[in-house]
Amino acid sequence: MRLGWTLHGDGARIAPGEVVAPHERLSWPRTIGIGLQHVVAMFGATFLVPVLTQFDPATTLFFSAVGTITFLLITGNRLPSYLGSSFAFIAPILAATASGDQSVALGGVLATGVLLALIGVVVHVAGARWIQLVMPPVVTGVIVALIGLNLAPVAWGTCDEGGACSGFRAAPLTAVVTLASIVLIQVLFRGIVGRLAILLGVVVGYAFAGVRGEVDLTAVREAAWVGFPHFTAPSFDPSVLGLFLPVVLVLVAENVGHVKSVAAMTGRDYDRLTGRALLADGVATTLAGLGGGSGTTTYAENIGVMAASRVYSTAAYWVAAVGALVLSMSPKFGALVNTVPAGVLGGVTTMLYGMIGILGARIWVQARVDFSDPVNLTTAAVPLIIGIANFTWTAGDLQFEGIALGTAAALVIYHVMRAVGRWRGTVQG
């Protein structure tokens, strides 16, 4: 592994048609600027997960930074990536904390990380082709889609007997302003501003909620400027592990997609690093589970920054990781993030959870999945209903809900229908 970088050209300009490769860098002032831009790009999404799941934002940011450093080291400093909070963990964490404490959810995050790391080792040794065979696009798409759609009731929210509400129902007007801001920012602005629509929408909604008296800054005033994040040890409850293990399939798809995206944009072949990428994300998620952070994944937001800047230098990601690490050492900053009102969260999650669902459909479109094929149609249709309705199955002390059952249904339906169809000669491939 090399931690040095070759200066690209004069370090100031990128010629038309060229990119700054992972082993190259621009001048350090420019590299630092791009690195900090990566911090901003990941910010909204990475912080949204702990806010929604009641995890400590500073701790999550700390392990996000540590995870990014781990990723760069394990991939030999050859694959640019920032590891932020994975949305795929939101549903299982919410379900686990509803039936237990936060440490139980961390046990699920830890187990997910260990399994992903093991898959990374297998892929590194055996190659990545078997992933495509086990998880073709129709299966991957439905798993991603049902994770987002399963969360729809959370976005709407609930009200207790005392009238206290969560989600959209907590403050409908604030939620509408937040949601409308996100929608308008996406179409009014291009470049980095447009890509930060969710973060900026939260800022607008937060300001609106502040005017309406919905923001309490007491904890911010009492928090220290400098201090270590709050670390929490995991505990294990077999009954909730089934909620988390399907997330592994999403993380596999996201990491493989990241490797392919970077390869396409740089014109280089990174397939040999796929196993290392999976192992690195697995180790990063395991570390997060050990200390109180949310599980990690590669970030599309940061791919957007690379595509816009044409800078794929891993040096920028070292800068981003160090920047995130510094921010995680400010309890006041973490306390500020925790003051985001429920109405703002209701508005942003209405957009966010729907986007996750549509990302699954995007996988189908990009892979040109043929839904005139009854195997593909059934593979998508049944699991989606299981996930949206949140089917539940209890077996002894174990309880499996919509995401886990939907994931299992997608895998079983696809492979059983394919096998039977080939045996009968009614399907091809």
Protein backbone atom coordinates (compact mmCIF):
# COMPACT_ATOMS: atom_id res chain seq x y z
CA MET A 1 0.00 0.00 0.00
CA ARG A 2 1.21 3.49 -0.85
CA LEU A 3 0.12 6.57 1.06
CA GLY A 4 1.94 8.98 -1.22
CA TRP A 5 0.32 10.62 -4.22
CA THR A 6 1.69 11.84 -7.54
CA LEU A 7 0.94 15.47 -8.35
CA HIS A 8 -1.48 15.69 -11.28
CA GLY A 9 -0.03 18.05 -13.87
CA ASP A 10 0.72 21.39 -12.28
CA GLY A 11 -1.61 20.60 -9.38
CA ALA A 12 -4.00 23.36 -10.35
CA ARG A 13 -5.76 22.39 -13.58
CA ILE A 14 -7.45 19.32 -15.04
CA ALA A 15 -7.33 19.16 -18.83
CA PRO A 16 -10.55 18.38 -20.75
CA GLY A 17 -11.20 14.64 -20.79
CA GLU A 18 -8.80 13.96 -17.91
CA VAL A 19 -9.48 12.93 -14.32
CA VAL A 20 -7.34 13.01 -11.19
CA ALA A 21 -6.77 9.31 -10.52
CA PRO A 22 -6.87 7.75 -7.02
CA HIS A 23 -3.06 7.70 -6.80
CA GLU A 24 -2.82 11.36 -7.86
CA ARG A 25 -3.71 14.63 -6.18
CA LEU A 26 -4.00 18.33 -6.89
CA SER A 27 -2.16 20.91 -4.78
CA TRP A 28 -2.85 20.48 -1.07
CA PRO A 29 -5.02 23.61 -0.72
CA ARG A 30 -7.24 22.33 -3.56
CA THR A 31 -7.22 18.80 -2.18
CA ILE A 32 -8.26 20.05 1.25
CA GLY A 33 -11.08 22.07 -0.31
CA ILE A 34 -12.38 19.06 -2.21
CA GLY A 35 -12.05 16.88 0.89
CA LEU A 36 -14.13 19.29 2.94
CA GLN A 37 -16.70 19.31 0.14
CA HIS A 38 -16.98 15.54 0.62
CA VAL A 39 -17.70 16.16 4.32
CA VAL A 40 -20.52 18.52 3.41
CA ALA A 41 -21.90 16.08 0.82
CA MET A 42 -22.18 13.20 3.26
CA PHE A 43 -23.37 15.34 6.12
CA GLY A 44 -27.14 15.40 5.71
CA ALA A 45 -27.56 11.69 5.11
CA THR A 46 -25.00 10.52 7.68
CA PHE A 47 -26.56 12.60 10.46
CA LEU A 48 -30.12 11.80 9.49
CA VAL A 49 -29.73 8.14 10.44
CA PRO A 50 -28.71 8.70 14.09
CA VAL A 51 -31.32 11.44 14.48
CA LEU A 52 -34.03 9.05 13.30
CA THR A 53 -32.77 6.10 15.33
CA GLN A 54 -31.87 8.03 18.51
CA PHE A 55 -28.19 7.10 18.20
CA ASP A 56 -25.57 9.64 19.29
CA PRO A 57 -24.77 11.78 16.20
CA ALA A 58 -21.21 12.52 17.37
CA THR A 59 -20.51 8.81 17.91
CA THR A 60 -21.95 7.96 14.50
CA LEU A 61 -19.77 10.63 12.86
CA PHE A 62 -16.73 9.34 14.75
CA PHE A 63 -17.19 5.81 13.43
CA SER A 64 -17.97 7.18 9.98
CA ALA A 65 -14.53 8.81 9.98
CA VAL A 66 -12.84 5.73 11.42
CA GLY A 67 -14.66 3.57 8.89
CA THR A 68 -13.46 5.71 5.99
CA ILE A 69 -9.86 5.44 7.19
CA THR A 70 -10.31 1.68 7.59
CA PHE A 71 -11.71 1.44 4.05
CA LEU A 72 -8.78 3.34 2.56
CA LEU A 73 -6.25 1.19 4.40
CA ILE A 74 -7.84 -2.18 3.57
CA THR A 75 -8.27 -1.28 -0.12
CA GLY A 76 -4.61 -0.28 -0.29
CA ASN A 77 -5.41 3.43 -0.74
CA ARG A 78 -6.53 2.60 -4.29
CA LEU A 79 -10.32 2.96 -4.10
CA PRO A 80 -11.82 6.36 -3.19
CA SER A 81 -14.82 6.17 -0.90
CA TYR A 82 -16.45 7.78 2.11
CA LEU A 83 -18.33 5.48 4.48
CA GLY A 84 -21.40 7.15 5.95
CA SER A 85 -24.48 5.91 7.78
CA SER A 86 -26.47 3.34 5.80
CA PHE A 87 -30.20 3.97 5.46
CA ALA A 88 -30.70 0.22 5.30
CA PHE A 89 -30.12 0.05 9.07
CA ILE A 90 -32.94 2.45 9.97
CA ALA A 91 -35.80 -0.07 9.96
CA PRO A 92 -34.05 -2.86 11.90
CA ILE A 93 -32.63 -0.40 14.47
CA LEU A 94 -36.08 1.11 15.06
CA ALA A 95 -37.60 -2.34 15.43
CA ALA A 96 -34.82 -3.55 17.74
CA THR A 97 -34.93 -0.50 20.01
CA ALA A 98 -38.72 -0.77 20.22
CA SER A 99 -38.40 -4.23 21.76
CA GLY A 100 -35.12 -3.65 23.64
CA ASP A 101 -32.51 -1.02 24.41
CA GLN A 102 -29.94 0.56 22.11
CA SER A 103 -27.29 -2.02 22.96
CA VAL A 104 -29.46 -4.75 21.39
CA ALA A 105 -29.60 -2.79 18.15
CA LEU A 106 -25.81 -2.39 18.27
CA GLY A 107 -25.52 -6.16 18.55
CA GLY A 108 -27.43 -6.41 15.29
CA VAL A 109 -25.15 -3.83 13.65
CA LEU A 110 -22.11 -5.78 14.85
CA ALA A 111 -23.45 -9.10 13.54
CA THR A 112 -24.16 -7.49 10.16
CA GLY A 113 -20.62 -6.16 9.98
CA VAL A 114 -19.07 -9.52 10.79
CA LEU A 115 -21.13 -11.30 8.14
CA LEU A 116 -20.31 -8.65 5.53
CA ALA A 117 -16.60 -8.95 6.34
CA LEU A 118 -16.79 -12.74 5.89
CA ILE A 119 -18.51 -12.28 2.53
CA GLY A 120 -15.71 -9.89 1.56
CA VAL A 121 -13.10 -12.54 2.31
CA VAL A 122 -15.00 -15.10 0.22
CA VAL A 123 -15.35 -12.66 -2.69
CA HIS A 124 -11.66 -11.78 -2.51
CA VAL A 125 -10.72 -15.46 -2.75
CA ALA A 126 -13.45 -16.79 -5.08
CA GLY A 127 -14.36 -13.72 -7.15
CA ALA A 128 -17.54 -11.66 -7.34
CA ARG A 129 -19.47 -13.56 -10.04
CA TRP A 130 -21.40 -15.67 -7.52
CA ILE A 131 -22.97 -12.50 -6.08
CA GLN A 132 -24.64 -11.84 -9.43
CA LEU A 133 -25.87 -15.44 -9.54
CA VAL A 134 -27.35 -15.39 -6.03
CA MET A 135 -28.59 -11.80 -6.16
CA PRO A 136 -29.56 -10.82 -9.71
CA PRO A 137 -30.87 -7.25 -10.22
CA VAL A 138 -34.53 -8.22 -9.75
CA VAL A 139 -33.72 -9.55 -6.27
CA THR A 140 -31.39 -6.69 -5.32
CA GLY A 141 -33.92 -4.12 -6.48
CA VAL A 142 -36.79 -5.56 -4.49
CA ILE A 143 -34.71 -5.77 -1.29
CA VAL A 144 -33.70 -2.12 -1.56
CA ALA A 145 -37.26 -1.07 -2.43
CA LEU A 146 -38.96 -2.92 0.42
CA ILE A 147 -36.55 -1.41 2.98
CA GLY A 148 -37.69 2.07 2.00
CA LEU A 149 -41.39 1.26 1.66
CA ASN A 150 -41.44 -0.67 4.94
CA LEU A 151 -40.59 2.63 6.68
CA ALA A 152 -43.56 4.57 5.27
CA PRO A 153 -45.58 4.42 8.54
CA VAL A 154 -42.58 5.86 10.42
CA ALA A 155 -42.58 8.94 8.18
CA TRP A 156 -46.31 9.54 8.90
CA GLY A 157 -45.74 8.99 12.61
CA THR A 158 -47.87 7.96 15.56
CA CYS A 159 -49.57 9.70 18.49
CA ASP A 160 -49.69 8.41 22.06
CA GLU A 161 -52.60 8.67 24.51
CA GLY A 162 -51.30 12.00 25.77
CA GLY A 163 -51.43 13.53 22.29
CA ALA A 164 -47.65 13.60 21.71
CA CYS A 165 -46.94 12.74 18.08
CA SER A 166 -43.95 11.77 16.00
CA GLY A 167 -43.12 12.11 12.32
CA PHE A 168 -45.26 14.15 9.95
CA ARG A 169 -48.14 14.22 12.42
CA ALA A 170 -46.06 16.03 15.05
CA ALA A 171 -46.13 19.34 13.14
CA PRO A 172 -47.75 19.02 9.69
CA LEU A 173 -47.03 22.60 8.61
CA THR A 174 -43.33 22.34 9.48
CA ALA A 175 -43.20 18.99 7.71
CA VAL A 176 -44.76 20.45 4.56
CA VAL A 177 -42.34 23.41 4.55
CA THR A 178 -39.39 21.03 4.95
CA LEU A 179 -40.59 18.70 2.20
CA ALA A 180 -41.42 21.59 -0.16
CA SER A 181 -37.96 23.08 0.42
CA ILE A 182 -36.26 19.83 -0.56
CA VAL A 183 -38.39 19.53 -3.69
CA LEU A 184 -37.74 23.11 -4.81
CA ILE A 185 -34.00 23.09 -4.09
CA GLN A 186 -33.58 20.05 -6.32
CA VAL A 187 -35.04 21.83 -9.34
CA LEU A 188 -33.86 25.38 -8.63
CA PHE A 189 -30.15 24.59 -8.24
CA ARG A 190 -27.55 22.47 -9.97
CA GLY A 191 -24.19 21.08 -8.88
CA ILE A 192 -23.36 20.62 -5.21
CA VAL A 193 -26.29 22.77 -4.00
CA GLY A 194 -28.80 20.55 -5.80
CA ARG A 195 -27.15 17.41 -4.42
CA LEU A 196 -27.40 18.82 -0.89
CA ALA A 197 -31.16 19.32 -1.20
CA ILE A 198 -31.97 17.10 1.80
CA LEU A 199 -29.45 18.84 4.07
CA LEU A 200 -30.55 22.32 2.96
CA GLY A 201 -34.21 21.36 3.26
CA VAL A 202 -33.57 20.33 6.87
CA VAL A 203 -31.92 23.72 7.48
CA VAL A 204 -34.94 25.57 6.05
CA GLY A 205 -37.37 23.41 8.03
CA TYR A 206 -35.29 23.86 11.18
CA ALA A 207 -35.36 27.65 10.80
CA PHE A 208 -39.13 27.58 10.24
CA ALA A 209 -39.60 25.35 13.29
CA GLY A 210 -37.43 27.74 15.32
CA VAL A 211 -39.67 30.67 14.42
CA ARG A 212 -42.69 28.63 15.53
CA GLY A 213 -41.04 27.80 18.87
CA GLU A 214 -40.53 24.08 18.15
CA VAL A 215 -36.76 24.06 18.78
CA ASP A 216 -35.27 23.64 22.27
CA LEU A 217 -31.60 24.70 22.44
CA THR A 218 -31.13 24.04 26.17
CA ALA A 219 -28.99 20.95 25.60
CA VAL A 220 -26.83 22.82 23.08
CA ARG A 221 -26.08 25.61 25.55
CA GLU A 222 -25.15 23.09 28.24
CA ALA A 223 -22.92 20.92 26.02
CA ALA A 224 -19.13 21.34 25.98
CA TRP A 225 -17.31 22.55 22.90
CA VAL A 226 -14.73 19.75 23.00
CA GLY A 227 -15.06 16.18 24.24
CA PHE A 228 -15.05 12.54 23.22
CA PRO A 229 -18.19 10.94 21.76
CA HIS A 230 -20.33 8.73 23.99
CA PHE A 231 -19.50 5.07 23.41
CA THR A 232 -21.96 2.23 24.06
CA ALA A 233 -21.21 -1.50 24.16
CA PRO A 234 -23.42 -3.95 22.23
CA SER A 235 -25.51 -6.80 23.61
CA PHE A 236 -27.02 -9.68 21.71
CA ASP A 237 -30.60 -10.86 21.41
CA PRO A 238 -31.13 -13.68 18.89
CA SER A 239 -34.72 -12.58 18.39
CA VAL A 240 -33.66 -9.35 16.62
CA LEU A 241 -30.76 -10.65 14.54
CA GLY A 242 -33.17 -11.69 11.80
CA LEU A 243 -34.04 -8.01 11.37
CA PHE A 244 -30.46 -7.09 10.51
CA LEU A 245 -29.06 -9.88 8.38
CA PRO A 246 -31.03 -8.88 5.23
CA VAL A 247 -29.21 -5.55 5.40
CA VAL A 248 -26.05 -7.45 4.42
CA LEU A 249 -27.50 -8.04 0.96
CA VAL A 250 -28.12 -4.31 0.53
CA LEU A 251 -24.58 -3.45 1.66
CA VAL A 252 -23.17 -5.98 -0.79
CA ALA A 253 -25.14 -4.42 -3.63
CA GLU A 254 -24.11 -0.88 -2.62
CA ASN A 255 -20.42 -1.71 -2.38
CA VAL A 256 -20.35 -3.63 -5.64
CA GLY A 257 -22.18 -0.74 -7.29
CA HIS A 258 -19.64 1.71 -5.87
CA VAL A 259 -16.71 -0.25 -7.28
CA LYS A 260 -18.40 -0.40 -10.69
CA SER A 261 -19.20 3.33 -10.62
CA VAL A 262 -15.64 4.38 -9.80
CA ALA A 263 -14.32 2.03 -12.49
CA ALA A 264 -16.67 3.50 -15.09
CA MET A 265 -15.78 7.09 -14.20
CA THR A 266 -12.01 6.60 -14.08
CA GLY A 267 -11.68 4.12 -16.95
CA ARG A 268 -9.90 1.61 -14.71
CA ASP A 269 -10.76 -1.96 -13.69
CA TYR A 270 -11.31 -2.26 -9.94
CA ASP A 271 -13.08 -5.64 -9.89
CA ARG A 272 -10.12 -7.14 -8.05
CA LEU A 273 -10.83 -4.75 -5.17
CA THR A 274 -14.47 -5.79 -4.73
CA GLY A 275 -13.68 -8.30 -1.97
CA ARG A 276 -11.51 -5.77 -0.16
CA ALA A 277 -14.27 -3.15 -0.37
CA LEU A 278 -16.80 -5.56 1.17
CA LEU A 279 -14.31 -6.59 3.85
CA ALA A 280 -13.52 -2.94 4.63
CA ASP A 281 -17.17 -1.96 4.98
CA GLY A 282 -17.74 -5.05 7.11
CA VAL A 283 -14.88 -4.13 9.44
CA ALA A 284 -16.10 -0.51 9.61
CA THR A 285 -19.66 -1.62 10.46
CA THR A 286 -18.31 -4.05 13.06
CA LEU A 287 -16.32 -1.26 14.74
CA ALA A 288 -19.43 0.95 14.74
CA GLY A 289 -21.46 -1.82 16.37
CA LEU A 290 -18.80 -2.27 19.04
CA GLY A 291 -18.90 1.38 20.10
CA GLY A 292 -22.32 2.87 19.45
CA GLY A 293 -22.33 3.97 15.82
CA SER A 294 -24.69 3.13 13.00
CA GLY A 295 -23.65 0.70 10.25
CA THR A 296 -21.76 2.18 7.32
CA THR A 297 -21.85 2.05 3.55
CA THR A 298 -20.37 3.78 0.51
CA TYR A 299 -22.09 7.03 -0.44
CA ALA A 300 -23.71 8.07 -3.72
CA GLU A 301 -23.45 11.71 -2.59
CA ASN A 302 -19.67 11.47 -2.64
CA ILE A 303 -19.68 9.77 -6.01
CA GLY A 304 -21.57 12.84 -7.21
CA VAL A 305 -18.83 15.11 -5.87
CA MET A 306 -16.19 13.04 -7.67
CA ALA A 307 -18.14 13.11 -10.92
CA ALA A 308 -18.59 16.90 -10.69
CA SER A 309 -14.99 17.68 -9.75
CA ARG A 310 -13.34 14.86 -11.77
CA VAL A 311 -11.09 14.33 -8.74
CA TYR A 312 -10.90 10.70 -7.59
CA SER A 313 -7.84 11.18 -5.41
CA THR A 314 -7.90 9.17 -2.19
CA ALA A 315 -6.04 12.09 -0.63
CA ALA A 316 -9.32 14.03 -0.62
CA TYR A 317 -10.95 11.23 1.34
CA TRP A 318 -8.20 11.26 3.96
CA VAL A 319 -8.96 14.97 4.36
CA ALA A 320 -12.70 14.20 4.63
CA ALA A 321 -12.10 11.51 7.26
CA VAL A 322 -9.91 13.79 9.38
CA GLY A 323 -12.45 16.62 9.04
CA ALA A 324 -15.29 14.36 10.18
CA LEU A 325 -13.16 13.09 13.07
CA VAL A 326 -12.56 16.64 14.29
CA LEU A 327 -16.28 17.48 14.12
CA SER A 328 -17.14 14.34 16.09
CA MET A 329 -15.09 15.68 18.99
CA SER A 330 -17.56 18.52 19.63
CA PRO A 331 -20.44 17.53 21.96
CA LYS A 332 -22.06 20.92 21.28
CA PHE A 333 -22.23 20.06 17.60
CA GLY A 334 -23.81 16.68 18.34
CA ALA A 335 -26.32 18.29 20.67
CA LEU A 336 -27.31 20.75 17.95
CA VAL A 337 -28.03 17.90 15.56
CA ASN A 338 -30.25 16.26 18.19
CA THR A 339 -32.46 19.36 18.38
CA VAL A 340 -33.98 18.75 14.93
CA PRO A 341 -37.77 18.79 15.61
CA ALA A 342 -40.08 15.89 14.85
CA GLY A 343 -41.97 17.87 12.20
CA VAL A 344 -38.77 18.48 10.22
CA LEU A 345 -37.94 14.78 10.43
CA GLY A 346 -41.44 13.91 9.25
CA GLY A 347 -41.01 16.04 6.16
CA VAL A 348 -37.54 14.82 5.27
CA THR A 349 -38.30 11.13 5.87
CA THR A 350 -41.35 11.34 3.62
CA MET A 351 -38.87 12.15 0.86
CA LEU A 352 -36.04 9.95 2.05
CA TYR A 353 -37.93 6.69 2.52
CA GLY A 354 -39.63 7.14 -0.82
CA MET A 355 -36.24 7.72 -2.45
CA ILE A 356 -34.94 4.46 -1.00
CA GLY A 357 -37.93 2.66 -2.48
CA ILE A 358 -37.36 4.25 -5.89
CA LEU A 359 -33.66 3.33 -5.78
CA GLY A 360 -34.81 -0.27 -5.91
CA ALA A 361 -36.85 0.49 -9.02
CA ARG A 362 -33.83 2.28 -10.47
CA ILE A 363 -31.83 -0.94 -10.17
CA TRP A 364 -34.50 -2.69 -12.23
CA VAL A 365 -34.48 0.02 -14.89
CA GLN A 366 -30.69 0.13 -15.21
CA ALA A 367 -30.51 -3.67 -15.46
CA ARG A 368 -33.48 -3.74 -17.88
CA VAL A 369 -35.32 -6.31 -15.80
CA ASP A 370 -38.04 -7.90 -17.93
CA PHE A 371 -41.28 -7.94 -15.94
CA SER A 372 -43.11 -9.78 -18.67
CA ASP A 373 -41.18 -12.75 -17.29
CA PRO A 374 -43.44 -14.24 -14.57
CA VAL A 375 -40.41 -15.18 -12.49
CA ASN A 376 -39.24 -11.57 -12.28
CA LEU A 377 -42.77 -10.27 -11.78
CA THR A 378 -43.52 -12.64 -8.91
CA THR A 379 -40.09 -12.12 -7.33
CA ALA A 380 -40.83 -8.39 -7.09
CA ALA A 381 -44.56 -8.47 -6.34
CA VAL A 382 -44.81 -10.80 -3.35
CA PRO A 383 -41.89 -9.44 -1.27
CA LEU A 384 -43.02 -5.84 -1.76
CA ILE A 385 -46.41 -6.58 -0.19
CA ILE A 386 -44.73 -8.51 2.62
CA GLY A 387 -42.46 -5.55 3.29
CA ILE A 388 -45.05 -2.78 2.99
CA ALA A 389 -47.61 -4.60 5.17
CA ASN A 390 -44.80 -5.67 7.53
CA PHE A 391 -45.77 -9.34 7.70
CA THR A 392 -44.56 -10.94 10.93
CA TRP A 393 -43.61 -14.53 11.75
CA THR A 394 -42.68 -15.74 15.22
CA ALA A 395 -40.71 -18.94 15.73
CA GLY A 396 -40.06 -19.56 19.41
CA ASP A 397 -38.00 -16.63 20.70
CA LEU A 398 -37.26 -15.42 17.17
CA GLN A 399 -39.43 -12.89 15.39
CA PHE A 400 -39.06 -12.06 11.70
CA GLU A 401 -40.73 -8.99 10.23
CA GLY A 402 -41.37 -7.46 6.81
CA ILE A 403 -37.82 -6.75 5.67
CA ALA A 404 -36.40 -10.12 6.71
CA LEU A 405 -39.39 -12.07 5.39
CA GLY A 406 -39.50 -10.03 2.17
CA THR A 407 -35.80 -10.63 1.56
CA ALA A 408 -36.17 -14.36 2.16
CA ALA A 409 -39.22 -14.46 -0.11
CA ALA A 410 -37.36 -12.70 -2.93
CA LEU A 411 -34.45 -15.15 -2.80
CA VAL A 412 -36.62 -18.27 -2.45
CA ILE A 413 -39.21 -17.29 -5.07
CA TYR A 414 -36.62 -16.34 -7.68
CA HIS A 415 -34.41 -19.40 -7.36
CA VAL A 416 -37.23 -21.93 -6.88
CA MET A 417 -39.22 -20.58 -9.84
CA ARG A 418 -36.11 -20.52 -12.03
CA ALA A 419 -35.18 -24.09 -11.06
CA VAL A 420 -38.69 -25.45 -11.59
CA GLY A 421 -39.09 -23.48 -14.83
CA ARG A 422 -35.84 -24.83 -16.26
CA TRP A 423 -36.83 -28.36 -15.25
CA ARG A 424 -40.21 -27.99 -16.96
CA GLY A 425 -38.75 -26.04 -19.87
CA THR A 426 -41.11 -23.10 -19.28
CA VAL A 427 -38.39 -20.49 -18.61
CA GLN A 428 -34.98 -19.82 -20.09
CA GLY A 429 -31.74 -18.97 -18.27
